[in-house]
PDB file of N, CA and C in Angstrom:
ATOM      1  N   UNK A   1      94.902 135.475 180.051  1.00  0.00           N
ATOM      2  CA  UNK A   1      93.900 134.551 179.549  1.00  0.00           C
ATOM      3  C   UNK A   1      93.003 134.136 180.720  1.00  0.00           C
ATOM      4  N   UNK A   2      91.700 134.434 180.660  1.00  0.00           N
ATOM      5  CA  UNK A   2      90.789 134.050 181.748  1.00  0.00           C
ATOM      6  C   UNK A   2      90.716 132.533 181.908  1.00  0.00           C
ATOM      7  N   UNK A   3      90.716 132.116 183.172  1.00  0.00           N
ATOM      8  CA  UNK A   3      90.632 130.691 183.497  1.00  0.00           C
ATOM      9  C   UNK A   3      89.193 130.383 183.902  1.00  0.00           C
ATOM     10  N   UNK A   4      88.595 129.430 183.203  1.00  0.00           N
ATOM     11  CA  UNK A   4      87.196 129.085 183.443  1.00  0.00           C
ATOM     12  C   UNK A   4      87.109 127.627 183.874  1.00  0.00           C
ATOM     13  N   UNK A   5      86.575 127.427 185.069  1.00  0.00           N
ATOM     14  CA  UNK A   5      86.410 126.083 185.614  1.00  0.00           C
ATOM     15  C   UNK A   5      85.059 125.521 185.197  1.00  0.00           C
ATOM     16  N   UNK A   6      85.098 124.380 184.520  1.00  0.00           N
ATOM     17  CA  UNK A   6      83.884 123.671 184.119  1.00  0.00           C
ATOM     18  C   UNK A   6      83.675 122.537 185.116  1.00  0.00           C
ATOM     19  N   UNK A   7      82.528 122.530 185.779  1.00  0.00           N
ATOM     20  CA  UNK A   7      82.201 121.449 186.711  1.00  0.00           C
ATOM     21  C   UNK A   7      80.996 120.724 186.132  1.00  0.00           C
ATOM     22  N   UNK A   8      81.230 119.521 185.637  1.00  0.00           N
ATOM     23  CA  UNK A   8      80.169 118.741 184.987  1.00  0.00           C
ATOM     24  C   UNK A   8      80.564 117.274 185.017  1.00  0.00           C
ATOM     25  N   UNK A   9      79.610 116.414 185.332  1.00  0.00           N
ATOM     26  CA  UNK A   9      79.915 114.982 185.384  1.00  0.00           C
ATOM     27  C   UNK A   9      80.011 114.361 183.997  1.00  0.00           C
ATOM     28  N   UNK A  10      79.543 115.056 182.973  1.00  0.00           N
ATOM     29  CA  UNK A  10      79.589 114.536 181.608  1.00  0.00           C
ATOM     30  C   UNK A  10      80.910 114.915 180.931  1.00  0.00           C
ATOM     31  N   UNK A  11      81.702 113.903 180.606  1.00  0.00           N
ATOM     32  CA  UNK A  11      82.966 114.149 179.917  1.00  0.00           C
ATOM     33  C   UNK A  11      82.702 114.806 178.561  1.00  0.00           C
ATOM     34  N   UNK A  12      81.630 114.404 177.878  1.00  0.00           N
ATOM     35  CA  UNK A  12      81.290 114.995 176.587  1.00  0.00           C
ATOM     36  C   UNK A  12      80.986 116.487 176.741  1.00  0.00           C
ATOM     37  N   UNK A  13      80.219 116.846 177.770  1.00  0.00           N
ATOM     38  CA  UNK A  13      79.894 118.261 177.994  1.00  0.00           C
ATOM     39  C   UNK A  13      81.161 119.062 178.279  1.00  0.00           C
ATOM     40  N   UNK A  14      82.051 118.503 179.114  1.00  0.00           N
ATOM     41  CA  UNK A  14      83.298 119.210 179.417  1.00  0.00           C
ATOM     42  C   UNK A  14      84.148 119.373 178.161  1.00  0.00           C
ATOM     43  N   UNK A  15      84.207 118.336 177.328  1.00  0.00           N
ATOM     44  CA  UNK A  15      84.982 118.411 176.091  1.00  0.00           C
ATOM     45  C   UNK A  15      84.406 119.482 175.166  1.00  0.00           C
ATOM     46  N   UNK A  16      83.093 119.446 174.958  1.00  0.00           N
ATOM     47  CA  UNK A  16      82.437 120.400 174.050  1.00  0.00           C
ATOM     48  C   UNK A  16      82.579 121.830 174.547  1.00  0.00           C
ATOM     49  N   UNK A  17      82.321 122.022 175.826  1.00  0.00           N
ATOM     50  CA  UNK A  17      82.419 123.357 176.398  1.00  0.00           C
ATOM     51  C   UNK A  17      83.869 123.837 176.403  1.00  0.00           C
ATOM     52  N   UNK A  18      84.795 122.938 176.705  1.00  0.00           N
ATOM     53  CA  UNK A  18      86.211 123.292 176.690  1.00  0.00           C
ATOM     54  C   UNK A  18      86.668 123.749 175.317  1.00  0.00           C
ATOM     55  N   UNK A  19      86.189 123.067 174.291  1.00  0.00           N
ATOM     56  CA  UNK A  19      86.529 123.443 172.915  1.00  0.00           C
ATOM     57  C   UNK A  19      86.010 124.849 172.600  1.00  0.00           C
ATOM     58  N   UNK A  20      84.772 125.132 173.004  1.00  0.00           N
ATOM     59  CA  UNK A  20      84.190 126.457 172.789  1.00  0.00           C
ATOM     60  C   UNK A  20      84.995 127.520 173.537  1.00  0.00           C
ATOM     61  N   UNK A  21      85.315 127.247 174.791  1.00  0.00           N
ATOM     62  CA  UNK A  21      86.047 128.225 175.602  1.00  0.00           C
ATOM     63  C   UNK A  21      87.455 128.473 175.065  1.00  0.00           C
ATOM     64  N   UNK A  22      88.141 127.416 174.632  1.00  0.00           N
ATOM     65  CA  UNK A  22      89.473 127.589 174.028  1.00  0.00           C
ATOM     66  C   UNK A  22      89.386 128.465 172.787  1.00  0.00           C
ATOM     67  N   UNK A  23      88.344 128.242 171.987  1.00  0.00           N
ATOM     68  CA  UNK A  23      88.145 129.038 170.778  1.00  0.00           C
ATOM     69  C   UNK A  23      87.922 130.511 171.073  1.00  0.00           C
ATOM     70  N   UNK A  24      87.432 130.805 172.275  1.00  0.00           N
ATOM     71  CA  UNK A  24      87.202 132.192 172.688  1.00  0.00           C
ATOM     72  C   UNK A  24      88.432 132.800 173.368  1.00  0.00           C
ATOM     73  N   UNK A  25      89.505 132.001 173.476  1.00  0.00           N
ATOM     74  CA  UNK A  25      90.733 132.502 174.077  1.00  0.00           C
ATOM     75  C   UNK A  25      90.819 132.330 175.583  1.00  0.00           C
ATOM     76  N   UNK A  26      90.008 131.425 176.137  1.00  0.00           N
ATOM     77  CA  UNK A  26      90.024 131.172 177.577  1.00  0.00           C
ATOM     78  C   UNK A  26      90.780 129.885 177.882  1.00  0.00           C
ATOM     79  N   UNK A  27      91.206 129.748 179.120  1.00  0.00           N
ATOM     80  CA  UNK A  27      91.862 128.524 179.570  1.00  0.00           C
ATOM     81  C   UNK A  27      90.855 127.701 180.371  1.00  0.00           C
ATOM     82  N   UNK A  28      90.340 126.605 179.788  1.00  0.00           N
ATOM     83  CA  UNK A  28      89.382 125.788 180.529  1.00  0.00           C
ATOM     84  C   UNK A  28      90.061 124.867 181.537  1.00  0.00           C
ATOM     85  N   UNK A  29      89.464 124.781 182.713  1.00  0.00           N
ATOM     86  CA  UNK A  29      89.867 123.849 183.761  1.00  0.00           C
ATOM     87  C   UNK A  29      88.689 122.907 183.966  1.00  0.00           C
ATOM     88  N   UNK A  30      88.936 121.678 184.415  1.00  0.00           N
ATOM     89  CA  UNK A  30      87.859 120.696 184.515  1.00  0.00           C
ATOM     90  C   UNK A  30      87.764 120.042 185.878  1.00  0.00           C
ATOM     91  N   UNK A  31      86.514 119.808 186.292  1.00  0.00           N
ATOM     92  CA  UNK A  31      86.225 118.983 187.465  1.00  0.00           C
ATOM     93  C   UNK A  31      84.987 118.165 187.124  1.00  0.00           C
ATOM     94  N   UNK A  32      84.986 116.898 187.536  1.00  0.00           N
ATOM     95  CA  UNK A  32      83.910 115.979 187.167  1.00  0.00           C
ATOM     96  C   UNK A  32      82.778 115.913 188.186  1.00  0.00           C
ATOM     97  N   UNK A  33      82.929 116.595 189.324  1.00  0.00           N
ATOM     98  CA  UNK A  33      81.860 116.587 190.323  1.00  0.00           C
ATOM     99  C   UNK A  33      82.013 117.796 191.238  1.00  0.00           C
ATOM    100  N   UNK A  34      80.999 118.018 192.063  1.00  0.00           N
ATOM    101  CA  UNK A  34      80.988 119.192 192.919  1.00  0.00           C
ATOM    102  C   UNK A  34      82.136 119.259 193.910  1.00  0.00           C
ATOM    103  N   UNK A  35      82.458 118.151 194.550  1.00  0.00           N
ATOM    104  CA  UNK A  35      83.541 118.161 195.540  1.00  0.00           C
ATOM    105  C   UNK A  35      84.891 118.447 194.894  1.00  0.00           C
ATOM    106  N   UNK A  36      85.151 117.828 193.747  1.00  0.00           N
ATOM    107  CA  UNK A  36      86.397 118.118 193.015  1.00  0.00           C
ATOM    108  C   UNK A  36      86.408 119.573 192.572  1.00  0.00           C
ATOM    109  N   UNK A  37      85.250 120.059 192.173  1.00  0.00           N
ATOM    110  CA  UNK A  37      85.131 121.450 191.763  1.00  0.00           C
ATOM    111  C   UNK A  37      85.484 122.410 192.884  1.00  0.00           C
ATOM    112  N   UNK A  38      84.998 122.120 194.088  1.00  0.00           N
ATOM    113  CA  UNK A  38      85.326 122.970 195.238  1.00  0.00           C
ATOM    114  C   UNK A  38      86.826 123.007 195.486  1.00  0.00           C
ATOM    115  N   UNK A  39      87.469 121.856 195.405  1.00  0.00           N
ATOM    116  CA  UNK A  39      88.925 121.812 195.590  1.00  0.00           C
ATOM    117  C   UNK A  39      89.630 122.627 194.504  1.00  0.00           C
ATOM    118  N   UNK A  40      89.137 122.526 193.277  1.00  0.00           N
ATOM    119  CA  UNK A  40      89.749 123.273 192.159  1.00  0.00           C
ATOM    120  C   UNK A  40      89.559 124.780 192.341  1.00  0.00           C
ATOM    121  N   UNK A  41      88.401 125.191 192.844  1.00  0.00           N
ATOM    122  CA  UNK A  41      88.158 126.617 193.067  1.00  0.00           C
ATOM    123  C   UNK A  41      89.203 127.166 194.034  1.00  0.00           C
ATOM    124  N   UNK A  42      89.433 126.444 195.103  1.00  0.00           N
ATOM    125  CA  UNK A  42      90.396 126.906 196.105  1.00  0.00           C
ATOM    126  C   UNK A  42      91.834 126.846 195.597  1.00  0.00           C
ATOM    127  N   UNK A  43      92.175 125.805 194.848  1.00  0.00           N
ATOM    128  CA  UNK A  43      93.560 125.621 194.388  1.00  0.00           C
ATOM    129  C   UNK A  43      93.901 126.454 193.160  1.00  0.00           C
ATOM    130  N   UNK A  44      92.978 126.562 192.227  1.00  0.00           N
ATOM    131  CA  UNK A  44      93.276 127.178 190.927  1.00  0.00           C
ATOM    132  C   UNK A  44      92.825 128.632 190.798  1.00  0.00           C
ATOM    133  N   UNK A  45      91.942 129.087 191.673  1.00  0.00           N
ATOM    134  CA  UNK A  45      91.442 130.471 191.637  1.00  0.00           C
ATOM    135  C   UNK A  45      90.949 130.875 190.233  1.00  0.00           C
ATOM    136  N   UNK A  46      89.926 130.185 189.703  1.00  0.00           N
ATOM    137  CA  UNK A  46      89.433 130.523 188.365  1.00  0.00           C
ATOM    138  C   UNK A  46      88.768 131.900 188.341  1.00  0.00           C
ATOM    139  N   UNK A  47      88.634 132.444 187.132  1.00  0.00           N
ATOM    140  CA  UNK A  47      87.978 133.735 186.944  1.00  0.00           C
ATOM    141  C   UNK A  47      86.466 133.585 186.810  1.00  0.00           C
ATOM    142  N   UNK A  48      86.024 132.373 186.493  1.00  0.00           N
ATOM    143  CA  UNK A  48      84.605 132.101 186.252  1.00  0.00           C
ATOM    144  C   UNK A  48      84.380 130.604 186.403  1.00  0.00           C
ATOM    145  N   UNK A  49      83.182 130.240 186.849  1.00  0.00           N
ATOM    146  CA  UNK A  49      82.792 128.832 186.928  1.00  0.00           C
ATOM    147  C   UNK A  49      81.564 128.627 186.060  1.00  0.00           C
ATOM    148  N   UNK A  50      81.586 127.562 185.267  1.00  0.00           N
ATOM    149  CA  UNK A  50      80.414 127.110 184.514  1.00  0.00           C
ATOM    150  C   UNK A  50      80.123 125.714 185.047  1.00  0.00           C
ATOM    151  N   UNK A  51      78.918 125.537 185.628  1.00  0.00           N
ATOM    152  CA  UNK A  51      78.651 124.312 186.366  1.00  0.00           C
ATOM    153  C   UNK A  51      77.287 123.723 186.020  1.00  0.00           C
ATOM    154  N   UNK A  52      77.278 122.406 185.847  1.00  0.00           N
ATOM    155  CA  UNK A  52      76.036 121.671 185.637  1.00  0.00           C
ATOM    156  C   UNK A  52      75.256 121.655 186.944  1.00  0.00           C
ATOM    157  N   UNK A  53      73.940 121.681 186.841  1.00  0.00           N
ATOM    158  CA  UNK A  53      73.108 121.655 188.040  1.00  0.00           C
ATOM    159  C   UNK A  53      72.965 120.247 188.598  1.00  0.00           C
ATOM    160  N   UNK A  54      72.678 119.296 187.722  1.00  0.00           N
ATOM    161  CA  UNK A  54      72.403 117.929 188.164  1.00  0.00           C
ATOM    162  C   UNK A  54      73.622 117.038 187.977  1.00  0.00           C
ATOM    163  N   UNK A  55      74.259 116.725 189.105  1.00  0.00           N
ATOM    164  CA  UNK A  55      75.416 115.828 189.106  1.00  0.00           C
ATOM    165  C   UNK A  55      75.236 114.841 190.243  1.00  0.00           C
ATOM    166  N   UNK A  56      75.776 113.623 190.088  1.00  0.00           N
ATOM    167  CA  UNK A  56      75.704 112.669 191.197  1.00  0.00           C
ATOM    168  C   UNK A  56      76.473 113.189 192.412  1.00  0.00           C
ATOM    169  N   UNK A  57      76.048 112.773 193.581  1.00  0.00           N
ATOM    170  CA  UNK A  57      76.709 113.241 194.799  1.00  0.00           C
ATOM    171  C   UNK A  57      76.313 114.672 195.074  1.00  0.00           C
ATOM    172  N   UNK A  58      77.290 115.531 195.213  1.00  0.00           N
ATOM    173  CA  UNK A  58      77.021 116.942 195.469  1.00  0.00           C
ATOM    174  C   UNK A  58      76.687 117.638 194.158  1.00  0.00           C
ATOM    175  N   UNK A  59      75.455 118.096 194.035  1.00  0.00           N
ATOM    176  CA  UNK A  59      74.999 118.741 192.807  1.00  0.00           C
ATOM    177  C   UNK A  59      75.448 120.186 192.706  1.00  0.00           C
ATOM    178  N   UNK A  60      75.038 120.815 191.626  1.00  0.00           N
ATOM    179  CA  UNK A  60      75.443 122.183 191.354  1.00  0.00           C
ATOM    180  C   UNK A  60      74.945 123.198 192.367  1.00  0.00           C
ATOM    181  N   UNK A  61      73.696 123.049 192.817  1.00  0.00           N
ATOM    182  CA  UNK A  61      73.157 124.007 193.782  1.00  0.00           C
ATOM    183  C   UNK A  61      73.912 123.926 195.107  1.00  0.00           C
ATOM    184  N   UNK A  62      74.156 122.718 195.579  1.00  0.00           N
ATOM    185  CA  UNK A  62      74.901 122.542 196.825  1.00  0.00           C
ATOM    186  C   UNK A  62      76.330 123.073 196.695  1.00  0.00           C
ATOM    187  N   UNK A  63      76.934 122.832 195.548  1.00  0.00           N
ATOM    188  CA  UNK A  63      78.292 123.319 195.308  1.00  0.00           C
ATOM    189  C   UNK A  63      78.311 124.843 195.264  1.00  0.00           C
ATOM    190  N   UNK A  64      77.314 125.432 194.615  1.00  0.00           N
ATOM    191  CA  UNK A  64      77.203 126.889 194.558  1.00  0.00           C
ATOM    192  C   UNK A  64      77.104 127.479 195.962  1.00  0.00           C
ATOM    193  N   UNK A  65      76.280 126.885 196.802  1.00  0.00           N
ATOM    194  CA  UNK A  65      76.119 127.377 198.175  1.00  0.00           C
ATOM    195  C   UNK A  65      77.453 127.328 198.917  1.00  0.00           C
ATOM    196  N   UNK A  66      78.212 126.255 198.728  1.00  0.00           N
ATOM    197  CA  UNK A  66      79.532 126.139 199.369  1.00  0.00           C
ATOM    198  C   UNK A  66      80.498 127.196 198.833  1.00  0.00           C
ATOM    199  N   UNK A  67      80.486 127.414 197.525  1.00  0.00           N
ATOM    200  CA  UNK A  67      81.373 128.422 196.918  1.00  0.00           C
ATOM    201  C   UNK A  67      81.062 129.802 197.483  1.00  0.00           C
ATOM    202  N   UNK A  68      79.796 130.113 197.635  1.00  0.00           N
ATOM    203  CA  UNK A  68      79.401 131.437 198.127  1.00  0.00           C
ATOM    204  C   UNK A  68      79.822 131.679 199.578  1.00  0.00           C
ATOM    205  N   UNK A  69      80.115 130.633 200.318  1.00  0.00           N
ATOM    206  CA  UNK A  69      80.580 130.798 201.701  1.00  0.00           C
ATOM    207  C   UNK A  69      81.963 131.444 201.763  1.00  0.00           C
ATOM    208  N   UNK A  70      82.773 131.252 200.714  1.00  0.00           N
ATOM    209  CA  UNK A  70      84.119 131.832 200.736  1.00  0.00           C
ATOM    210  C   UNK A  70      84.410 132.741 199.550  1.00  0.00           C
ATOM    211  N   UNK A  71      83.489 132.847 198.619  1.00  0.00           N
ATOM    212  CA  UNK A  71      83.713 133.724 197.465  1.00  0.00           C
ATOM    213  C   UNK A  71      82.386 134.271 196.952  1.00  0.00           C
ATOM    214  N   UNK A  72      82.058 135.465 197.392  1.00  0.00           N
ATOM    215  CA  UNK A  72      80.792 136.071 196.986  1.00  0.00           C
ATOM    216  C   UNK A  72      80.863 136.677 195.583  1.00  0.00           C
ATOM    217  N   UNK A  73      82.051 137.044 195.131  1.00  0.00           N
ATOM    218  CA  UNK A  73      82.180 137.775 193.869  1.00  0.00           C
ATOM    219  C   UNK A  73      82.477 136.903 192.649  1.00  0.00           C
ATOM    220  N   UNK A  74      82.921 135.675 192.854  1.00  0.00           N
ATOM    221  CA  UNK A  74      83.288 134.811 191.732  1.00  0.00           C
ATOM    222  C   UNK A  74      82.056 134.505 190.880  1.00  0.00           C
ATOM    223  N   UNK A  75      82.065 134.853 189.583  1.00  0.00           N
ATOM    224  CA  UNK A  75      80.900 134.576 188.741  1.00  0.00           C
ATOM    225  C   UNK A  75      80.697 133.071 188.552  1.00  0.00           C
ATOM    226  N   UNK A  76      79.439 132.638 188.709  1.00  0.00           N
ATOM    227  CA  UNK A  76      79.081 131.234 188.537  1.00  0.00           C
ATOM    228  C   UNK A  76      77.877 131.155 187.609  1.00  0.00           C
ATOM    229  N   UNK A  77      78.050 130.448 186.497  1.00  0.00           N
ATOM    230  CA  UNK A  77      76.963 130.214 185.544  1.00  0.00           C
ATOM    231  C   UNK A  77      76.503 128.774 185.723  1.00  0.00           C
ATOM    232  N   UNK A  78      75.214 128.601 185.960  1.00  0.00           N
ATOM    233  CA  UNK A  78      74.635 127.268 186.114  1.00  0.00           C
ATOM    234  C   UNK A  78      74.038 126.839 184.783  1.00  0.00           C
ATOM    235  N   UNK A  79      74.365 125.614 184.364  1.00  0.00           N
ATOM    236  CA  UNK A  79      73.791 125.017 183.157  1.00  0.00           C
ATOM    237  C   UNK A  79      72.832 123.913 183.578  1.00  0.00           C
ATOM    238  N   UNK A  80      71.658 123.857 182.932  1.00  0.00           N
ATOM    239  CA  UNK A  80      70.706 122.809 183.289  1.00  0.00           C
ATOM    240  C   UNK A  80      69.707 122.567 182.170  1.00  0.00           C
ATOM    241  N   UNK A  81      69.281 121.310 182.061  1.00  0.00           N
ATOM    242  CA  UNK A  81      68.197 120.959 181.144  1.00  0.00           C
ATOM    243  C   UNK A  81      66.845 121.185 181.812  1.00  0.00           C
ATOM    244  N   UNK A  82      66.845 121.488 183.105  1.00  0.00           N
ATOM    245  CA  UNK A  82      65.621 121.744 183.866  1.00  0.00           C
ATOM    246  C   UNK A  82      65.097 123.129 183.491  1.00  0.00           C
ATOM    247  N   UNK A  83      63.898 123.189 182.930  1.00  0.00           N
ATOM    248  CA  UNK A  83      63.358 124.464 182.451  1.00  0.00           C
ATOM    249  C   UNK A  83      62.366 125.106 183.420  1.00  0.00           C
ATOM    250  N   UNK A  84      62.226 124.550 184.607  1.00  0.00           N
ATOM    251  CA  UNK A  84      61.268 125.094 185.571  1.00  0.00           C
ATOM    252  C   UNK A  84      61.755 126.423 186.135  1.00  0.00           C
ATOM    253  N   UNK A  85      60.830 127.383 186.216  1.00  0.00           N
ATOM    254  CA  UNK A  85      61.170 128.693 186.766  1.00  0.00           C
ATOM    255  C   UNK A  85      61.620 128.601 188.220  1.00  0.00           C
ATOM    256  N   UNK A  86      61.050 127.646 188.973  1.00  0.00           N
ATOM    257  CA  UNK A  86      61.437 127.515 190.382  1.00  0.00           C
ATOM    258  C   UNK A  86      62.902 127.093 190.518  1.00  0.00           C
ATOM    259  N   UNK A  87      63.363 126.250 189.616  1.00  0.00           N
ATOM    260  CA  UNK A  87      64.769 125.825 189.643  1.00  0.00           C
ATOM    261  C   UNK A  87      65.675 127.009 189.351  1.00  0.00           C
ATOM    262  N   UNK A  88      65.332 127.761 188.314  1.00  0.00           N
ATOM    263  CA  UNK A  88      66.102 128.961 187.964  1.00  0.00           C
ATOM    264  C   UNK A  88      66.139 129.921 189.154  1.00  0.00           C
ATOM    265  N   UNK A  89      64.991 130.160 189.763  1.00  0.00           N
ATOM    266  CA  UNK A  89      64.897 131.093 190.891  1.00  0.00           C
ATOM    267  C   UNK A  89      65.751 130.645 192.070  1.00  0.00           C
ATOM    268  N   UNK A  90      65.704 129.344 192.398  1.00  0.00           N
ATOM    269  CA  UNK A  90      66.498 128.827 193.516  1.00  0.00           C
ATOM    270  C   UNK A  90      67.990 129.060 193.279  1.00  0.00           C
ATOM    271  N   UNK A  91      68.432 128.824 192.057  1.00  0.00           N
ATOM    272  CA  UNK A  91      69.858 129.006 191.742  1.00  0.00           C
ATOM    273  C   UNK A  91      70.262 130.476 191.820  1.00  0.00           C
ATOM    274  N   UNK A  92      69.446 131.350 191.275  1.00  0.00           N
ATOM    275  CA  UNK A  92      69.768 132.777 191.307  1.00  0.00           C
ATOM    276  C   UNK A  92      69.732 133.310 192.736  1.00  0.00           C
ATOM    277  N   UNK A  93      68.765 132.850 193.532  1.00  0.00           N
ATOM    278  CA  UNK A  93      68.689 133.273 194.935  1.00  0.00           C
ATOM    279  C   UNK A  93      69.895 132.778 195.733  1.00  0.00           C
ATOM    280  N   UNK A  94      70.443 131.628 195.355  1.00  0.00           N
ATOM    281  CA  UNK A  94      71.613 131.070 196.046  1.00  0.00           C
ATOM    282  C   UNK A  94      72.912 131.758 195.633  1.00  0.00           C
ATOM    283  N   UNK A  95      72.840 132.625 194.621  1.00  0.00           N
ATOM    284  CA  UNK A  95      74.028 133.381 194.240  1.00  0.00           C
ATOM    285  C   UNK A  95      74.583 133.123 192.856  1.00  0.00           C
ATOM    286  N   UNK A  96      73.850 132.362 192.023  1.00  0.00           N
ATOM    287  CA  UNK A  96      74.319 132.164 190.648  1.00  0.00           C
ATOM    288  C   UNK A  96      74.307 133.500 189.910  1.00  0.00           C
ATOM    289  N   UNK A  97      75.306 133.714 189.096  1.00  0.00           N
ATOM    290  CA  UNK A  97      75.380 134.918 188.277  1.00  0.00           C
ATOM    291  C   UNK A  97      74.390 134.826 187.128  1.00  0.00           C
ATOM    292  N   UNK A  98      74.241 133.620 186.582  1.00  0.00           N
ATOM    293  CA  UNK A  98      73.315 133.390 185.471  1.00  0.00           C
ATOM    294  C   UNK A  98      72.897 131.926 185.471  1.00  0.00           C
ATOM    295  N   UNK A  99      71.765 131.667 184.837  1.00  0.00           N
ATOM    296  CA  UNK A  99      71.225 130.315 184.694  1.00  0.00           C
ATOM    297  C   UNK A  99      70.944 130.118 183.216  1.00  0.00           C
ATOM    298  N   UNK A 100      71.532 129.086 182.614  1.00  0.00           N
ATOM    299  CA  UNK A 100      71.401 128.838 181.175  1.00  0.00           C
ATOM    300  C   UNK A 100      70.807 127.455 180.959  1.00  0.00           C
ATOM    301  N   UNK A 101      69.749 127.414 180.150  1.00  0.00           N
ATOM    302  CA  UNK A 101      69.145 126.123 179.816  1.00  0.00           C
ATOM    303  C   UNK A 101      69.929 125.431 178.719  1.00  0.00           C
ATOM    304  N   UNK A 102      70.074 124.100 178.877  1.00  0.00           N
ATOM    305  CA  UNK A 102      70.689 123.271 177.835  1.00  0.00           C
ATOM    306  C   UNK A 102      69.576 122.710 176.968  1.00  0.00           C
ATOM    307  N   UNK A 103      69.813 122.559 175.694  1.00  0.00           N
ATOM    308  CA  UNK A 103      70.985 123.021 174.945  1.00  0.00           C
ATOM    309  C   UNK A 103      70.956 124.542 174.812  1.00  0.00           C
ATOM    310  N   UNK A 104      72.121 125.128 174.646  1.00  0.00           N
ATOM    311  CA  UNK A 104      72.201 126.579 174.553  1.00  0.00           C
ATOM    312  C   UNK A 104      72.805 127.005 173.223  1.00  0.00           C
ATOM    313  N   UNK A 105      72.526 128.234 172.853  1.00  0.00           N
ATOM    314  CA  UNK A 105      73.060 128.847 171.641  1.00  0.00           C
ATOM    315  C   UNK A 105      74.504 129.281 171.920  1.00  0.00           C
ATOM    316  N   UNK A 106      75.443 128.806 171.110  1.00  0.00           N
ATOM    317  CA  UNK A 106      76.863 129.085 171.347  1.00  0.00           C
ATOM    318  C   UNK A 106      77.168 130.582 171.322  1.00  0.00           C
ATOM    319  N   UNK A 107      76.561 131.317 170.400  1.00  0.00           N
ATOM    320  CA  UNK A 107      76.841 132.755 170.305  1.00  0.00           C
ATOM    321  C   UNK A 107      76.324 133.493 171.539  1.00  0.00           C
ATOM    322  N   UNK A 108      75.115 133.172 171.957  1.00  0.00           N
ATOM    323  CA  UNK A 108      74.554 133.802 173.149  1.00  0.00           C
ATOM    324  C   UNK A 108      75.331 133.439 174.402  1.00  0.00           C
ATOM    325  N   UNK A 109      75.749 132.174 174.487  1.00  0.00           N
ATOM    326  CA  UNK A 109      76.524 131.720 175.638  1.00  0.00           C
ATOM    327  C   UNK A 109      77.882 132.420 175.664  1.00  0.00           C
ATOM    328  N   UNK A 110      78.504 132.560 174.514  1.00  0.00           N
ATOM    329  CA  UNK A 110      79.799 133.247 174.424  1.00  0.00           C
ATOM    330  C   UNK A 110      79.681 134.690 174.898  1.00  0.00           C
ATOM    331  N   UNK A 111      78.591 135.351 174.499  1.00  0.00           N
ATOM    332  CA  UNK A 111      78.363 136.731 174.935  1.00  0.00           C
ATOM    333  C   UNK A 111      78.175 136.791 176.450  1.00  0.00           C
ATOM    334  N   UNK A 112      77.436 135.832 177.002  1.00  0.00           N
ATOM    335  CA  UNK A 112      77.218 135.783 178.448  1.00  0.00           C
ATOM    336  C   UNK A 112      78.538 135.599 179.195  1.00  0.00           C
ATOM    337  N   UNK A 113      79.394 134.719 178.698  1.00  0.00           N
ATOM    338  CA  UNK A 113      80.703 134.496 179.326  1.00  0.00           C
ATOM    339  C   UNK A 113      81.491 135.810 179.354  1.00  0.00           C
ATOM    340  N   UNK A 114      81.486 136.519 178.241  1.00  0.00           N
ATOM    341  CA  UNK A 114      82.175 137.809 178.180  1.00  0.00           C
ATOM    342  C   UNK A 114      81.624 138.800 179.191  1.00  0.00           C
ATOM    343  N   UNK A 115      80.297 138.850 179.319  1.00  0.00           N
ATOM    344  CA  UNK A 115      79.664 139.754 180.282  1.00  0.00           C
ATOM    345  C   UNK A 115      80.039 139.379 181.716  1.00  0.00           C
ATOM    346  N   UNK A 116      80.042 138.092 182.005  1.00  0.00           N
ATOM    347  CA  UNK A 116      80.395 137.644 183.359  1.00  0.00           C
ATOM    348  C   UNK A 116      81.839 137.995 183.702  1.00  0.00           C
ATOM    349  N   UNK A 117      82.721 137.860 182.741  1.00  0.00           N
ATOM    350  CA  UNK A 117      84.139 138.141 182.986  1.00  0.00           C
ATOM    351  C   UNK A 117      84.425 139.632 183.139  1.00  0.00           C
ATOM    352  N   UNK A 118      83.624 140.466 182.483  1.00  0.00           N
ATOM    353  CA  UNK A 118      83.839 141.914 182.580  1.00  0.00           C
ATOM    354  C   UNK A 118      82.976 142.553 183.658  1.00  0.00           C
ATOM    355  N   UNK A 119      82.074 141.778 184.243  1.00  0.00           N
ATOM    356  CA  UNK A 119      81.226 142.297 185.308  1.00  0.00           C
ATOM    357  C   UNK A 119      80.069 143.138 184.835  1.00  0.00           C
ATOM    358  N   UNK A 120      79.698 143.012 183.572  1.00  0.00           N
ATOM    359  CA  UNK A 120      78.576 143.803 183.039  1.00  0.00           C
ATOM    360  C   UNK A 120      77.287 143.046 183.158  1.00  0.00           C
TER     361      UNK A 120
END
């Protein structure tokens, strides 16, 4: 069962996303901020990370940059309500596997998760 770490400061977002991931047969793991997320990445060795971009303290972009220092291959999907192309570009250039705008289509997001886990 693939383990997917959700890093998001919104408990509602983590609950909703966790429910979707469980329904797809994945094991969701949770962190409420970037620093906790970094600790979870090292301790839990998830198969995929789904992370909010805008969080208090260490945000998603900063956390992504830290993750890439020790794990270049771990798939990371960034979620954001920010629709600016420059934001998307910065995240992809920093090593994000994908950038998804919120709100997102559950079917499309589910397909993306599958692609990230299989490396396609």
